[in-house]
Amino acid sequence: MKSNSGDKLRMTQAERTALSDARMLEAATELIVEHGTHNTTLREVGERAGYSRGLASNRFGSKEGLFSQLVRDFNRRWADELRKQVGDSTGLPAFSAALDAVEYFLLNRSNEMKALYIVWFESMSSHDEVRKRLARNHTAYRRDAERWVREGIRAGSIRDTIDPQCFAVEFASLIFGLIYQWLVDPDKIDVHAVFQHYRKNAIETLAVR
């Protein structure tokens, strides 16, 4: 078996930087879940990741820079999962697949989801760039949901009395409201049951009879 030290020697500078970034983002995720954003420091992030106290400051510049990078990385993974689940689906199948993607992340990437939404919810009073990024995310989520409804209406599978914009806001409200309750008291929220119930009722509301 080859030694880890030999592997490290063969790593390029770019690879070492990517590795240290990944470890610090993982450390930041743990600390945010444990202590929240206000009590997480760049020094602690560097130390938890196994590096010097100053590396996180040198790499990210500020806590807002760190949180912004955390959000960007999460958004990339989320977009990949959404594309995988939704694919070329439109209308009701796309809506159902998007629910599957959210449920998958909540149940299988729980720590990431907790950290990310803590960052978002606690950014309301600070971290202006993170708040702006969250607003863009909300816009993108609503735009997707609105498009799925419009596609379903054109295809004749969704009732033309449904207002796509209003439904998109309701859909986003379910997702963000559910996650908020799950963060506050996770043992009291049966994520799978809620998604199944919402899926059934929403499809009954949307579908052409």
N, C-alpha and C. Protein backbone atom coordinates (compact mmCIF):
# COMPACT_ATOMS: atom_id res chain seq x y z
N MET A 1 0.85 -1.19 0.00
CA MET A 1 0.00 0.00 0.00
C MET A 1 0.89 1.25 0.00
N LYS A 2 0.54 2.22 -0.86
CA LYS A 2 1.34 3.44 -0.96
C LYS A 2 0.99 4.38 0.19
N SER A 3 1.96 5.10 0.65
CA SER A 3 1.75 5.96 1.82
C SER A 3 0.99 7.22 1.44
N ASN A 4 0.27 7.77 2.43
CA ASN A 4 -0.43 9.03 2.22
C ASN A 4 0.54 10.17 1.95
N SER A 5 1.73 10.09 2.61
CA SER A 5 2.70 11.16 2.41
C SER A 5 3.17 11.21 0.97
N GLY A 6 3.31 10.02 0.35
CA GLY A 6 3.70 9.99 -1.05
C GLY A 6 2.63 10.58 -1.94
N ASP A 7 1.35 10.30 -1.60
CA ASP A 7 0.25 10.87 -2.36
C ASP A 7 0.26 12.39 -2.26
N LYS A 8 0.52 12.89 -1.03
CA LYS A 8 0.52 14.34 -0.84
C LYS A 8 1.63 15.00 -1.64
N LEU A 9 2.79 14.34 -1.70
CA LEU A 9 3.91 14.91 -2.45
C LEU A 9 3.59 15.01 -3.93
N ARG A 10 2.77 14.08 -4.43
CA ARG A 10 2.45 14.09 -5.85
C ARG A 10 1.30 15.03 -6.19
N MET A 11 0.64 15.58 -5.19
CA MET A 11 -0.47 16.50 -5.46
C MET A 11 0.06 17.83 -5.97
N THR A 12 -0.65 18.40 -6.94
CA THR A 12 -0.29 19.73 -7.43
C THR A 12 -0.77 20.78 -6.42
N GLN A 13 -0.30 22.00 -6.61
CA GLN A 13 -0.74 23.08 -5.73
C GLN A 13 -2.25 23.28 -5.83
N ALA A 14 -2.78 23.19 -7.04
CA ALA A 14 -4.23 23.35 -7.23
C ALA A 14 -4.99 22.26 -6.50
N GLU A 15 -4.48 21.05 -6.53
CA GLU A 15 -5.14 19.93 -5.84
C GLU A 15 -5.08 20.12 -4.33
N ARG A 16 -3.94 20.59 -3.83
CA ARG A 16 -3.83 20.83 -2.39
C ARG A 16 -4.78 21.94 -1.95
N THR A 17 -4.90 22.97 -2.78
CA THR A 17 -5.82 24.06 -2.46
C THR A 17 -7.26 23.57 -2.45
N ALA A 18 -7.62 22.76 -3.44
CA ALA A 18 -8.98 22.23 -3.51
C ALA A 18 -9.28 21.34 -2.31
N LEU A 19 -8.28 20.55 -1.90
CA LEU A 19 -8.47 19.67 -0.75
C LEU A 19 -8.65 20.47 0.53
N SER A 20 -7.82 21.48 0.73
CA SER A 20 -7.93 22.29 1.95
C SER A 20 -9.25 23.06 1.96
N ASP A 21 -9.67 23.56 0.80
CA ASP A 21 -10.97 24.24 0.72
C ASP A 21 -12.11 23.30 1.12
N ALA A 22 -12.07 22.09 0.57
CA ALA A 22 -13.13 21.12 0.87
C ALA A 22 -13.15 20.78 2.36
N ARG A 23 -11.99 20.61 2.95
CA ARG A 23 -11.93 20.28 4.38
C ARG A 23 -12.43 21.45 5.23
N MET A 24 -12.09 22.66 4.84
CA MET A 24 -12.55 23.81 5.62
C MET A 24 -14.05 24.03 5.47
N LEU A 25 -14.59 23.79 4.28
CA LEU A 25 -16.03 23.91 4.10
C LEU A 25 -16.77 22.83 4.90
N GLU A 26 -16.20 21.64 4.96
CA GLU A 26 -16.78 20.58 5.78
C GLU A 26 -16.73 20.96 7.26
N ALA A 27 -15.61 21.53 7.67
CA ALA A 27 -15.48 21.98 9.07
C ALA A 27 -16.48 23.09 9.36
N ALA A 28 -16.64 24.02 8.42
CA ALA A 28 -17.60 25.11 8.61
C ALA A 28 -19.01 24.57 8.74
N THR A 29 -19.35 23.56 7.95
CA THR A 29 -20.67 22.93 8.02
C THR A 29 -20.91 22.38 9.42
N GLU A 30 -19.93 21.67 9.95
CA GLU A 30 -20.06 21.08 11.29
C GLU A 30 -20.24 22.17 12.35
N LEU A 31 -19.42 23.21 12.27
CA LEU A 31 -19.46 24.27 13.28
C LEU A 31 -20.76 25.06 13.23
N ILE A 32 -21.26 25.31 12.03
CA ILE A 32 -22.52 26.06 11.89
C ILE A 32 -23.67 25.27 12.50
N VAL A 33 -23.69 23.96 12.23
CA VAL A 33 -24.75 23.12 12.80
C VAL A 33 -24.64 23.10 14.32
N GLU A 34 -23.42 23.07 14.84
CA GLU A 34 -23.22 23.00 16.28
C GLU A 34 -23.47 24.33 16.99
N HIS A 35 -23.05 25.44 16.36
CA HIS A 35 -23.02 26.72 17.08
C HIS A 35 -23.73 27.87 16.36
N GLY A 36 -24.19 27.66 15.13
CA GLY A 36 -24.78 28.76 14.38
C GLY A 36 -23.72 29.60 13.69
N THR A 37 -24.15 30.54 12.87
CA THR A 37 -23.19 31.35 12.11
C THR A 37 -22.48 32.37 12.97
N HIS A 38 -23.20 32.98 13.91
CA HIS A 38 -22.62 34.07 14.70
C HIS A 38 -21.50 33.59 15.61
N ASN A 39 -21.57 32.32 16.03
CA ASN A 39 -20.56 31.78 16.94
C ASN A 39 -19.51 30.93 16.22
N THR A 40 -19.54 30.92 14.90
CA THR A 40 -18.53 30.22 14.11
C THR A 40 -17.48 31.22 13.66
N THR A 41 -16.22 30.95 13.95
CA THR A 41 -15.15 31.86 13.55
C THR A 41 -14.26 31.22 12.50
N LEU A 42 -13.60 32.06 11.72
CA LEU A 42 -12.68 31.56 10.71
C LEU A 42 -11.52 30.80 11.36
N ARG A 43 -11.08 31.25 12.50
CA ARG A 43 -10.00 30.56 13.20
C ARG A 43 -10.41 29.12 13.54
N GLU A 44 -11.63 28.98 14.07
CA GLU A 44 -12.12 27.64 14.42
C GLU A 44 -12.27 26.76 13.18
N VAL A 45 -12.67 27.35 12.09
CA VAL A 45 -12.83 26.59 10.84
C VAL A 45 -11.48 26.02 10.42
N GLY A 46 -10.44 26.86 10.42
CA GLY A 46 -9.11 26.39 10.04
C GLY A 46 -8.61 25.30 10.98
N GLU A 47 -8.79 25.50 12.27
CA GLU A 47 -8.33 24.52 13.25
C GLU A 47 -9.10 23.21 13.15
N ARG A 48 -10.43 23.28 13.00
CA ARG A 48 -11.24 22.06 12.89
C ARG A 48 -10.85 21.26 11.65
N ALA A 49 -10.45 21.96 10.59
CA ALA A 49 -10.06 21.28 9.36
C ALA A 49 -8.64 20.72 9.42
N GLY A 50 -7.89 21.08 10.49
CA GLY A 50 -6.54 20.57 10.65
C GLY A 50 -5.46 21.46 10.08
N TYR A 51 -5.78 22.75 9.91
CA TYR A 51 -4.82 23.68 9.34
C TYR A 51 -4.51 24.80 10.34
N SER A 52 -3.75 25.78 9.90
CA SER A 52 -3.39 26.89 10.78
C SER A 52 -4.60 27.77 11.06
N ARG A 53 -4.50 28.56 12.10
CA ARG A 53 -5.60 29.44 12.47
C ARG A 53 -5.93 30.45 11.37
N GLY A 54 -4.90 30.85 10.62
CA GLY A 54 -5.10 31.93 9.66
C GLY A 54 -5.47 31.49 8.26
N LEU A 55 -5.45 30.18 7.97
CA LEU A 55 -5.66 29.74 6.58
C LEU A 55 -7.06 30.11 6.07
N ALA A 56 -8.09 29.92 6.89
CA ALA A 56 -9.45 30.23 6.44
C ALA A 56 -9.59 31.71 6.12
N SER A 57 -8.97 32.56 6.96
CA SER A 57 -9.01 34.00 6.69
C SER A 57 -8.30 34.33 5.39
N ASN A 58 -7.14 33.73 5.18
CA ASN A 58 -6.39 33.98 3.95
C ASN A 58 -7.15 33.50 2.72
N ARG A 59 -7.85 32.38 2.86
CA ARG A 59 -8.52 31.77 1.71
C ARG A 59 -9.85 32.44 1.39
N PHE A 60 -10.66 32.74 2.42
CA PHE A 60 -12.02 33.23 2.18
C PHE A 60 -12.17 34.73 2.47
N GLY A 61 -11.22 35.31 3.20
CA GLY A 61 -11.25 36.75 3.44
C GLY A 61 -12.10 37.19 4.60
N SER A 62 -13.28 36.61 4.74
CA SER A 62 -14.21 36.99 5.80
C SER A 62 -15.21 35.87 6.00
N LYS A 63 -16.00 35.98 7.07
CA LYS A 63 -17.04 34.98 7.28
C LYS A 63 -18.06 35.02 6.15
N GLU A 64 -18.37 36.21 5.67
CA GLU A 64 -19.33 36.31 4.56
C GLU A 64 -18.77 35.63 3.30
N GLY A 65 -17.45 35.78 3.09
CA GLY A 65 -16.83 35.09 1.96
C GLY A 65 -16.90 33.58 2.11
N LEU A 66 -16.69 33.10 3.33
CA LEU A 66 -16.79 31.67 3.61
C LEU A 66 -18.21 31.18 3.38
N PHE A 67 -19.20 31.91 3.93
CA PHE A 67 -20.59 31.48 3.78
C PHE A 67 -21.03 31.52 2.32
N SER A 68 -20.56 32.52 1.59
CA SER A 68 -20.91 32.60 0.16
C SER A 68 -20.36 31.41 -0.61
N GLN A 69 -19.14 30.98 -0.27
CA GLN A 69 -18.56 29.81 -0.93
C GLN A 69 -19.34 28.55 -0.55
N LEU A 70 -19.76 28.46 0.69
CA LEU A 70 -20.56 27.32 1.15
C LEU A 70 -21.86 27.25 0.36
N VAL A 71 -22.50 28.40 0.16
CA VAL A 71 -23.75 28.45 -0.61
C VAL A 71 -23.51 28.07 -2.07
N ARG A 72 -22.41 28.58 -2.65
CA ARG A 72 -22.12 28.26 -4.06
C ARG A 72 -21.90 26.76 -4.25
N ASP A 73 -21.15 26.16 -3.35
CA ASP A 73 -20.90 24.72 -3.46
C ASP A 73 -22.19 23.92 -3.30
N PHE A 74 -23.02 24.32 -2.35
CA PHE A 74 -24.29 23.62 -2.16
C PHE A 74 -25.18 23.78 -3.39
N ASN A 75 -25.26 24.99 -3.93
CA ASN A 75 -26.11 25.23 -5.11
C ASN A 75 -25.68 24.36 -6.29
N ARG A 76 -24.37 24.16 -6.44
CA ARG A 76 -23.89 23.31 -7.53
C ARG A 76 -24.35 21.88 -7.34
N ARG A 77 -24.22 21.37 -6.12
CA ARG A 77 -24.65 19.99 -5.86
C ARG A 77 -26.17 19.84 -6.00
N TRP A 78 -26.90 20.87 -5.54
CA TRP A 78 -28.35 20.82 -5.64
C TRP A 78 -28.78 20.84 -7.10
N ALA A 79 -28.16 21.70 -7.92
CA ALA A 79 -28.51 21.77 -9.34
C ALA A 79 -28.25 20.44 -10.03
N ASP A 80 -27.14 19.79 -9.67
CA ASP A 80 -26.83 18.48 -10.25
C ASP A 80 -27.90 17.45 -9.88
N GLU A 81 -28.31 17.45 -8.61
CA GLU A 81 -29.33 16.50 -8.16
C GLU A 81 -30.68 16.78 -8.81
N LEU A 82 -31.03 18.06 -8.93
CA LEU A 82 -32.30 18.42 -9.56
C LEU A 82 -32.32 17.99 -11.02
N ARG A 83 -31.21 18.23 -11.72
CA ARG A 83 -31.13 17.81 -13.13
C ARG A 83 -31.25 16.29 -13.25
N LYS A 84 -30.62 15.58 -12.32
CA LYS A 84 -30.67 14.12 -12.36
C LYS A 84 -32.09 13.62 -12.13
N GLN A 85 -32.79 14.23 -11.18
CA GLN A 85 -34.14 13.79 -10.85
C GLN A 85 -35.17 14.22 -11.90
N VAL A 86 -35.10 15.46 -12.34
CA VAL A 86 -36.12 16.00 -13.24
C VAL A 86 -35.86 15.61 -14.69
N GLY A 87 -34.57 15.66 -15.09
CA GLY A 87 -34.23 15.31 -16.47
C GLY A 87 -35.00 16.15 -17.47
N ASP A 88 -35.66 15.50 -18.43
CA ASP A 88 -36.44 16.20 -19.46
C ASP A 88 -37.92 16.26 -19.11
N SER A 89 -38.27 15.92 -17.87
CA SER A 89 -39.67 15.91 -17.48
C SER A 89 -40.27 17.31 -17.52
N THR A 90 -41.56 17.38 -17.73
CA THR A 90 -42.29 18.65 -17.70
C THR A 90 -43.57 18.44 -16.91
N GLY A 91 -44.24 19.54 -16.58
CA GLY A 91 -45.53 19.45 -15.93
C GLY A 91 -45.51 18.71 -14.61
N LEU A 92 -46.52 17.86 -14.39
CA LEU A 92 -46.66 17.13 -13.13
C LEU A 92 -45.48 16.21 -12.83
N PRO A 93 -44.94 15.46 -13.81
CA PRO A 93 -43.77 14.62 -13.51
C PRO A 93 -42.57 15.43 -13.04
N ALA A 94 -42.35 16.63 -13.60
CA ALA A 94 -41.23 17.47 -13.17
C ALA A 94 -41.44 17.94 -11.73
N PHE A 95 -42.66 18.35 -11.42
CA PHE A 95 -43.00 18.78 -10.07
C PHE A 95 -42.76 17.64 -9.07
N SER A 96 -43.21 16.44 -9.41
CA SER A 96 -43.04 15.29 -8.52
C SER A 96 -41.56 14.95 -8.35
N ALA A 97 -40.80 15.01 -9.44
CA ALA A 97 -39.37 14.71 -9.37
C ALA A 97 -38.62 15.74 -8.52
N ALA A 98 -39.04 17.00 -8.59
CA ALA A 98 -38.41 18.04 -7.78
C ALA A 98 -38.64 17.77 -6.30
N LEU A 99 -39.83 17.32 -5.95
CA LEU A 99 -40.09 16.95 -4.56
C LEU A 99 -39.19 15.80 -4.13
N ASP A 100 -38.98 14.84 -5.03
CA ASP A 100 -38.07 13.73 -4.71
C ASP A 100 -36.66 14.25 -4.43
N ALA A 101 -36.22 15.23 -5.22
CA ALA A 101 -34.88 15.77 -5.04
C ALA A 101 -34.73 16.46 -3.68
N VAL A 102 -35.73 17.25 -3.31
CA VAL A 102 -35.67 17.94 -2.01
C VAL A 102 -35.67 16.92 -0.87
N GLU A 103 -36.56 15.93 -0.97
CA GLU A 103 -36.63 14.91 0.08
C GLU A 103 -35.32 14.15 0.19
N TYR A 104 -34.71 13.84 -0.97
CA TYR A 104 -33.43 13.13 -0.95
C TYR A 104 -32.38 13.93 -0.20
N PHE A 105 -32.29 15.23 -0.48
CA PHE A 105 -31.29 16.05 0.18
C PHE A 105 -31.55 16.14 1.68
N LEU A 106 -32.81 16.29 2.07
CA LEU A 106 -33.13 16.40 3.49
C LEU A 106 -32.77 15.13 4.25
N LEU A 107 -33.01 13.97 3.64
CA LEU A 107 -32.79 12.71 4.33
C LEU A 107 -31.37 12.18 4.19
N ASN A 108 -30.67 12.54 3.11
CA ASN A 108 -29.35 11.97 2.86
C ASN A 108 -28.20 12.96 2.97
N ARG A 109 -28.51 14.25 2.96
CA ARG A 109 -27.48 15.29 3.14
C ARG A 109 -27.94 16.23 4.25
N SER A 110 -28.38 15.61 5.35
CA SER A 110 -29.02 16.39 6.42
C SER A 110 -28.12 17.48 6.99
N ASN A 111 -26.85 17.15 7.23
CA ASN A 111 -25.96 18.13 7.84
C ASN A 111 -25.74 19.32 6.91
N GLU A 112 -25.56 19.04 5.62
CA GLU A 112 -25.39 20.13 4.65
C GLU A 112 -26.63 21.01 4.62
N MET A 113 -27.81 20.38 4.59
CA MET A 113 -29.05 21.14 4.54
C MET A 113 -29.21 21.99 5.80
N LYS A 114 -28.91 21.42 6.95
CA LYS A 114 -29.02 22.18 8.20
C LYS A 114 -28.11 23.40 8.17
N ALA A 115 -26.84 23.18 7.81
CA ALA A 115 -25.89 24.29 7.79
C ALA A 115 -26.30 25.36 6.80
N LEU A 116 -26.71 24.93 5.61
CA LEU A 116 -27.05 25.88 4.56
C LEU A 116 -28.24 26.73 4.96
N TYR A 117 -29.27 26.10 5.51
CA TYR A 117 -30.46 26.87 5.87
C TYR A 117 -30.25 27.69 7.12
N ILE A 118 -29.39 27.26 8.02
CA ILE A 118 -29.02 28.12 9.15
C ILE A 118 -28.34 29.38 8.63
N VAL A 119 -27.42 29.21 7.69
CA VAL A 119 -26.75 30.37 7.07
C VAL A 119 -27.79 31.30 6.46
N TRP A 120 -28.72 30.73 5.70
CA TRP A 120 -29.73 31.56 5.03
C TRP A 120 -30.65 32.26 6.02
N PHE A 121 -31.19 31.50 6.97
CA PHE A 121 -32.13 32.11 7.89
C PHE A 121 -31.46 33.15 8.79
N GLU A 122 -30.21 32.92 9.16
CA GLU A 122 -29.52 33.87 10.03
C GLU A 122 -28.94 35.05 9.25
N SER A 123 -29.03 35.00 7.92
CA SER A 123 -28.49 36.09 7.10
C SER A 123 -29.49 37.23 6.94
N MET A 124 -30.70 37.07 7.49
CA MET A 124 -31.72 38.10 7.33
C MET A 124 -31.28 39.43 7.92
N SER A 125 -30.50 39.38 8.99
CA SER A 125 -30.10 40.62 9.66
C SER A 125 -28.63 40.98 9.41
N SER A 126 -27.94 40.15 8.65
CA SER A 126 -26.52 40.42 8.38
C SER A 126 -26.12 39.67 7.10
N HIS A 127 -24.84 39.72 6.76
CA HIS A 127 -24.32 38.99 5.59
C HIS A 127 -25.11 39.32 4.33
N ASP A 128 -24.97 40.54 3.88
CA ASP A 128 -25.77 41.07 2.78
C ASP A 128 -25.63 40.24 1.50
N GLU A 129 -24.41 39.82 1.18
CA GLU A 129 -24.20 39.05 -0.05
C GLU A 129 -24.90 37.70 0.02
N VAL A 130 -24.88 37.07 1.18
CA VAL A 130 -25.58 35.78 1.34
C VAL A 130 -27.08 35.99 1.17
N ARG A 131 -27.61 37.06 1.73
CA ARG A 131 -29.04 37.35 1.61
C ARG A 131 -29.43 37.58 0.15
N LYS A 132 -28.59 38.29 -0.59
CA LYS A 132 -28.87 38.53 -2.01
C LYS A 132 -28.83 37.22 -2.79
N ARG A 133 -27.90 36.35 -2.43
CA ARG A 133 -27.80 35.05 -3.11
C ARG A 133 -29.05 34.22 -2.80
N LEU A 134 -29.54 34.29 -1.57
CA LEU A 134 -30.75 33.57 -1.20
C LEU A 134 -31.94 34.09 -2.01
N ALA A 135 -32.03 35.40 -2.17
CA ALA A 135 -33.12 35.97 -2.96
C ALA A 135 -33.07 35.46 -4.41
N ARG A 136 -31.86 35.35 -4.95
CA ARG A 136 -31.73 34.82 -6.32
C ARG A 136 -32.16 33.35 -6.37
N ASN A 137 -31.82 32.61 -5.32
CA ASN A 137 -32.24 31.21 -5.27
C ASN A 137 -33.76 31.09 -5.22
N HIS A 138 -34.39 31.91 -4.40
CA HIS A 138 -35.84 31.89 -4.32
C HIS A 138 -36.46 32.18 -5.69
N THR A 139 -35.91 33.15 -6.38
CA THR A 139 -36.41 33.50 -7.71
C THR A 139 -36.28 32.32 -8.66
N ALA A 140 -35.14 31.64 -8.60
CA ALA A 140 -34.91 30.49 -9.49
C ALA A 140 -35.87 29.35 -9.17
N TYR A 141 -36.10 29.08 -7.88
CA TYR A 141 -37.02 28.00 -7.49
C TYR A 141 -38.44 28.30 -7.97
N ARG A 142 -38.88 29.54 -7.77
CA ARG A 142 -40.23 29.91 -8.21
C ARG A 142 -40.34 29.86 -9.73
N ARG A 143 -39.28 30.28 -10.41
CA ARG A 143 -39.30 30.26 -11.87
C ARG A 143 -39.44 28.84 -12.40
N ASP A 144 -38.71 27.89 -11.79
CA ASP A 144 -38.81 26.49 -12.21
C ASP A 144 -40.23 25.97 -12.00
N ALA A 145 -40.78 26.20 -10.80
CA ALA A 145 -42.13 25.69 -10.50
C ALA A 145 -43.17 26.31 -11.42
N GLU A 146 -43.02 27.60 -11.68
CA GLU A 146 -43.95 28.27 -12.59
C GLU A 146 -43.85 27.68 -14.00
N ARG A 147 -42.65 27.39 -14.44
CA ARG A 147 -42.47 26.80 -15.78
C ARG A 147 -43.12 25.42 -15.87
N TRP A 148 -42.95 24.61 -14.82
CA TRP A 148 -43.55 23.28 -14.85
C TRP A 148 -45.07 23.36 -14.97
N VAL A 149 -45.67 24.31 -14.26
CA VAL A 149 -47.12 24.46 -14.34
C VAL A 149 -47.54 24.90 -15.74
N ARG A 150 -46.83 25.89 -16.29
CA ARG A 150 -47.18 26.37 -17.63
C ARG A 150 -47.03 25.24 -18.66
N GLU A 151 -45.98 24.44 -18.51
CA GLU A 151 -45.79 23.32 -19.43
C GLU A 151 -46.94 22.31 -19.31
N GLY A 152 -47.37 22.05 -18.08
CA GLY A 152 -48.47 21.13 -17.88
C GLY A 152 -49.78 21.65 -18.43
N ILE A 153 -50.00 22.96 -18.31
CA ILE A 153 -51.21 23.56 -18.87
C ILE A 153 -51.20 23.43 -20.39
N ARG A 154 -50.06 23.72 -21.01
CA ARG A 154 -49.97 23.60 -22.47
C ARG A 154 -50.18 22.16 -22.92
N ALA A 155 -49.67 21.20 -22.12
CA ALA A 155 -49.79 19.78 -22.48
C ALA A 155 -51.17 19.22 -22.16
N GLY A 156 -51.97 19.98 -21.41
CA GLY A 156 -53.31 19.52 -21.08
C GLY A 156 -53.37 18.62 -19.86
N SER A 157 -52.28 18.51 -19.09
CA SER A 157 -52.27 17.66 -17.90
C SER A 157 -52.54 18.44 -16.62
N ILE A 158 -52.40 19.77 -16.67
CA ILE A 158 -52.67 20.64 -15.52
C ILE A 158 -53.80 21.59 -15.88
N ARG A 159 -54.71 21.78 -14.96
CA ARG A 159 -55.89 22.61 -15.19
C ARG A 159 -55.49 24.05 -15.53
N ASP A 160 -56.14 24.63 -16.50
CA ASP A 160 -55.79 25.98 -16.94
C ASP A 160 -56.31 27.05 -15.99
N THR A 161 -57.02 26.64 -14.93
CA THR A 161 -57.45 27.61 -13.92
C THR A 161 -56.38 27.84 -12.85
N ILE A 162 -55.33 27.06 -12.89
CA ILE A 162 -54.23 27.22 -11.93
C ILE A 162 -53.39 28.44 -12.31
N ASP A 163 -53.11 29.28 -11.36
CA ASP A 163 -52.23 30.44 -11.57
C ASP A 163 -50.78 29.99 -11.34
N PRO A 164 -49.96 29.94 -12.38
CA PRO A 164 -48.59 29.43 -12.24
C PRO A 164 -47.76 30.20 -11.22
N GLN A 165 -47.91 31.53 -11.19
CA GLN A 165 -47.11 32.33 -10.26
C GLN A 165 -47.51 32.06 -8.81
N CYS A 166 -48.82 32.01 -8.56
CA CYS A 166 -49.28 31.75 -7.19
C CYS A 166 -48.88 30.35 -6.74
N PHE A 167 -49.02 29.37 -7.64
CA PHE A 167 -48.63 28.02 -7.27
C PHE A 167 -47.14 27.95 -6.95
N ALA A 168 -46.31 28.65 -7.73
CA ALA A 168 -44.86 28.63 -7.50
C ALA A 168 -44.53 29.17 -6.12
N VAL A 169 -45.23 30.24 -5.68
CA VAL A 169 -44.99 30.80 -4.34
C VAL A 169 -45.42 29.78 -3.28
N GLU A 170 -46.57 29.12 -3.50
CA GLU A 170 -47.04 28.12 -2.54
C GLU A 170 -46.06 26.95 -2.44
N PHE A 171 -45.54 26.53 -3.58
CA PHE A 171 -44.59 25.41 -3.61
C PHE A 171 -43.32 25.77 -2.83
N ALA A 172 -42.78 26.96 -3.11
CA ALA A 172 -41.57 27.40 -2.39
C ALA A 172 -41.85 27.56 -0.90
N SER A 173 -43.05 28.02 -0.56
CA SER A 173 -43.40 28.19 0.85
C SER A 173 -43.43 26.86 1.57
N LEU A 174 -43.95 25.83 0.91
CA LEU A 174 -43.96 24.49 1.51
C LEU A 174 -42.54 24.03 1.80
N ILE A 175 -41.65 24.18 0.81
CA ILE A 175 -40.26 23.71 0.96
C ILE A 175 -39.56 24.46 2.09
N PHE A 176 -39.59 25.78 2.05
CA PHE A 176 -38.84 26.55 3.04
C PHE A 176 -39.51 26.49 4.41
N GLY A 177 -40.83 26.45 4.45
CA GLY A 177 -41.52 26.33 5.73
C GLY A 177 -41.28 24.99 6.40
N LEU A 178 -41.31 23.93 5.60
CA LEU A 178 -41.05 22.60 6.14
C LEU A 178 -39.63 22.51 6.68
N ILE A 179 -38.67 23.03 5.93
CA ILE A 179 -37.28 22.96 6.38
C ILE A 179 -37.08 23.77 7.65
N TYR A 180 -37.75 24.91 7.76
CA TYR A 180 -37.65 25.72 8.98
C TYR A 180 -38.14 24.92 10.19
N GLN A 181 -39.30 24.28 10.05
CA GLN A 181 -39.82 23.48 11.16
C GLN A 181 -38.91 22.30 11.48
N TRP A 182 -38.36 21.69 10.45
CA TRP A 182 -37.45 20.55 10.61
C TRP A 182 -36.18 20.96 11.35
N LEU A 183 -35.69 22.17 11.06
CA LEU A 183 -34.50 22.67 11.76
C LEU A 183 -34.79 22.90 13.24
N VAL A 184 -35.96 23.44 13.54
CA VAL A 184 -36.31 23.78 14.92
C VAL A 184 -36.55 22.53 15.76
N ASP A 185 -37.24 21.53 15.18
CA ASP A 185 -37.61 20.35 15.96
C ASP A 185 -37.65 19.12 15.04
N PRO A 186 -36.49 18.63 14.60
CA PRO A 186 -36.45 17.57 13.58
C PRO A 186 -37.15 16.28 13.98
N ASP A 187 -37.16 15.96 15.26
CA ASP A 187 -37.79 14.70 15.68
C ASP A 187 -39.31 14.73 15.54
N LYS A 188 -39.90 15.92 15.43
CA LYS A 188 -41.35 16.04 15.33
C LYS A 188 -41.83 16.12 13.88
N ILE A 189 -40.91 16.18 12.93
CA ILE A 189 -41.29 16.34 11.53
C ILE A 189 -40.94 15.06 10.76
N ASP A 190 -41.97 14.39 10.27
CA ASP A 190 -41.78 13.21 9.43
C ASP A 190 -41.69 13.69 7.98
N VAL A 191 -40.47 13.92 7.52
CA VAL A 191 -40.25 14.52 6.21
C VAL A 191 -40.91 13.71 5.11
N HIS A 192 -40.71 12.40 5.11
CA HIS A 192 -41.28 11.56 4.05
C HIS A 192 -42.80 11.64 4.04
N ALA A 193 -43.42 11.56 5.21
CA ALA A 193 -44.89 11.61 5.29
C ALA A 193 -45.43 12.94 4.78
N VAL A 194 -44.76 14.04 5.13
CA VAL A 194 -45.21 15.36 4.69
C VAL A 194 -45.13 15.47 3.17
N PHE A 195 -44.02 15.01 2.61
CA PHE A 195 -43.87 15.09 1.15
C PHE A 195 -44.91 14.23 0.44
N GLN A 196 -45.18 13.04 0.97
CA GLN A 196 -46.18 12.17 0.36
C GLN A 196 -47.57 12.82 0.41
N HIS A 197 -47.90 13.40 1.54
CA HIS A 197 -49.19 14.06 1.71
C HIS A 197 -49.32 15.26 0.79
N TYR A 198 -48.29 16.08 0.74
CA TYR A 198 -48.32 17.27 -0.11
C TYR A 198 -48.40 16.88 -1.58
N ARG A 199 -47.62 15.88 -1.98
CA ARG A 199 -47.62 15.42 -3.37
C ARG A 199 -49.04 14.99 -3.78
N LYS A 200 -49.68 14.18 -2.94
CA LYS A 200 -51.02 13.68 -3.25
C LYS A 200 -52.02 14.83 -3.40
N ASN A 201 -52.02 15.75 -2.43
CA ASN A 201 -52.98 16.85 -2.47
C ASN A 201 -52.70 17.82 -3.61
N ALA A 202 -51.43 18.10 -3.86
CA ALA A 202 -51.08 19.04 -4.92
C ALA A 202 -51.43 18.47 -6.29
N ILE A 203 -51.15 17.21 -6.50
CA ILE A 203 -51.47 16.59 -7.79
C ILE A 203 -52.98 16.56 -8.00
N GLU A 204 -53.73 16.29 -6.94
CA GLU A 204 -55.19 16.29 -7.06
C GLU A 204 -55.70 17.68 -7.41
N THR A 205 -55.03 18.71 -6.88
CA THR A 205 -55.42 20.10 -7.17
C THR A 205 -55.06 20.50 -8.60
N LEU A 206 -53.87 20.07 -9.02
CA LEU A 206 -53.35 20.52 -10.32
C LEU A 206 -53.92 19.74 -11.51
N ALA A 207 -54.09 18.43 -11.33
CA ALA A 207 -54.33 17.56 -12.48
C ALA A 207 -55.71 17.79 -13.10
N VAL A 208 -55.74 17.70 -14.42
CA VAL A 208 -57.02 17.72 -15.15
C VAL A 208 -57.76 16.42 -14.86
N ARG A 209 -59.01 16.53 -14.48
CA ARG A 209 -59.81 15.35 -14.16
C ARG A 209 -60.53 14.83 -15.40
